[in-house]
């Protein structure tokens, strides 16, 4: 039987559909990617997706308060590091 190599987690950062295994690491990478893209870091136009509505946030059981806290901490980190959206 021929084994199919699974793509590394970062290659699924934009969509977890089709991944051979939905791991916690994959969920974290996917959620982080969506969050930073909604903040304006990434594509030319920020995503309008609500981070609370994505599958990875639901599977990670992230509450609106947790997402807001992550968002605020990320804003601070990006400011300290000199990145702007």
Protein backbone atom coordinates (compact mmCIF):
# COMPACT_ATOMS: atom_id res chain seq x y z
CA UNK A 1 0.00 0.00 0.00
CA UNK A 2 1.33 3.43 -0.95
CA UNK A 3 1.34 6.03 1.81
CA UNK A 4 0.37 9.59 1.02
CA UNK A 5 2.55 12.18 2.69
CA UNK A 6 0.61 14.68 4.70
CA UNK A 7 1.42 18.32 4.01
CA UNK A 8 3.12 20.14 6.88
CA UNK A 9 0.77 22.14 9.14
CA UNK A 10 1.73 25.59 7.76
CA UNK A 11 0.57 24.57 4.29
CA UNK A 12 -3.00 24.30 5.60
CA UNK A 13 -3.01 27.75 7.22
CA UNK A 14 -5.63 29.15 4.84
CA UNK A 15 -8.03 26.22 4.87
CA UNK A 16 -8.22 23.15 7.07
CA UNK A 17 -10.62 21.40 4.70
CA UNK A 18 -8.87 18.45 3.15
CA UNK A 19 -6.21 18.03 5.83
CA UNK A 20 -5.58 14.37 6.62
CA UNK A 21 -5.66 15.09 10.35
CA UNK A 22 -7.11 18.06 12.18
CA UNK A 23 -4.59 18.54 14.97
CA UNK A 24 -4.54 21.19 17.66
CA UNK A 25 -1.44 22.64 15.98
CA UNK A 26 -3.28 22.93 12.68
CA UNK A 27 -6.24 24.60 14.38
CA UNK A 28 -3.94 27.12 16.09
CA UNK A 29 -2.11 27.97 12.87
CA UNK A 30 -5.39 28.34 10.96
CA UNK A 31 -6.98 30.53 13.64
CA UNK A 32 -3.87 32.72 13.91
CA UNK A 33 -3.78 33.16 10.14
CA UNK A 34 -7.42 34.24 9.98
CA UNK A 35 -7.01 36.58 12.96
CA UNK A 36 -3.97 38.41 11.58
CA UNK A 37 -5.60 38.68 8.16
CA UNK A 38 -8.72 40.29 9.71
CA UNK A 39 -6.37 42.75 11.43
CA UNK A 40 -4.87 43.82 8.11
CA UNK A 41 -1.64 41.82 8.24
CA UNK A 42 -1.50 39.74 5.11
CA UNK A 43 -3.47 40.24 1.90
CA UNK A 44 -3.85 43.75 0.50
CA UNK A 45 -7.44 43.84 1.72
CA UNK A 46 -8.14 42.64 5.28
CA UNK A 47 -10.50 39.70 5.59
CA UNK A 48 -13.98 40.55 6.79
CA UNK A 49 -14.46 37.15 8.40
CA UNK A 50 -15.47 37.19 12.05
CA UNK A 51 -12.78 35.13 13.83
CA UNK A 52 -15.45 33.80 16.21
CA UNK A 53 -17.30 32.20 13.30
CA UNK A 54 -14.49 30.09 11.87
CA UNK A 55 -14.29 26.37 12.40
CA UNK A 56 -10.88 26.43 14.08
CA UNK A 57 -12.12 28.88 16.76
CA UNK A 58 -15.12 26.64 17.42
CA UNK A 59 -13.02 23.47 17.61
CA UNK A 60 -10.53 25.21 19.92
CA UNK A 61 -13.51 26.30 22.05
CA UNK A 62 -12.37 29.93 21.98
CA UNK A 63 -14.82 32.27 23.66
CA UNK A 64 -15.43 35.82 22.43
CA UNK A 65 -13.51 37.07 25.49
CA UNK A 66 -10.54 34.81 24.72
CA UNK A 67 -10.49 35.95 21.09
CA UNK A 68 -10.63 39.61 22.17
CA UNK A 69 -7.75 39.02 24.59
CA UNK A 70 -5.66 37.31 21.90
CA UNK A 71 -6.47 40.16 19.50
CA UNK A 72 -5.39 42.80 22.03
CA UNK A 73 -2.17 40.99 22.90
CA UNK A 74 -1.35 40.58 19.23
CA UNK A 75 -1.96 44.29 18.61
CA UNK A 76 0.46 45.16 21.41
CA UNK A 77 3.07 42.71 20.13
CA UNK A 78 2.86 44.02 16.58
CA UNK A 79 3.16 47.62 17.82
CA UNK A 80 6.21 46.80 19.95
CA UNK A 81 7.83 44.98 17.02
CA UNK A 82 7.17 47.94 14.70
CA UNK A 83 4.70 46.24 12.36
CA UNK A 84 1.74 48.15 11.02
CA UNK A 85 -1.33 46.92 9.22
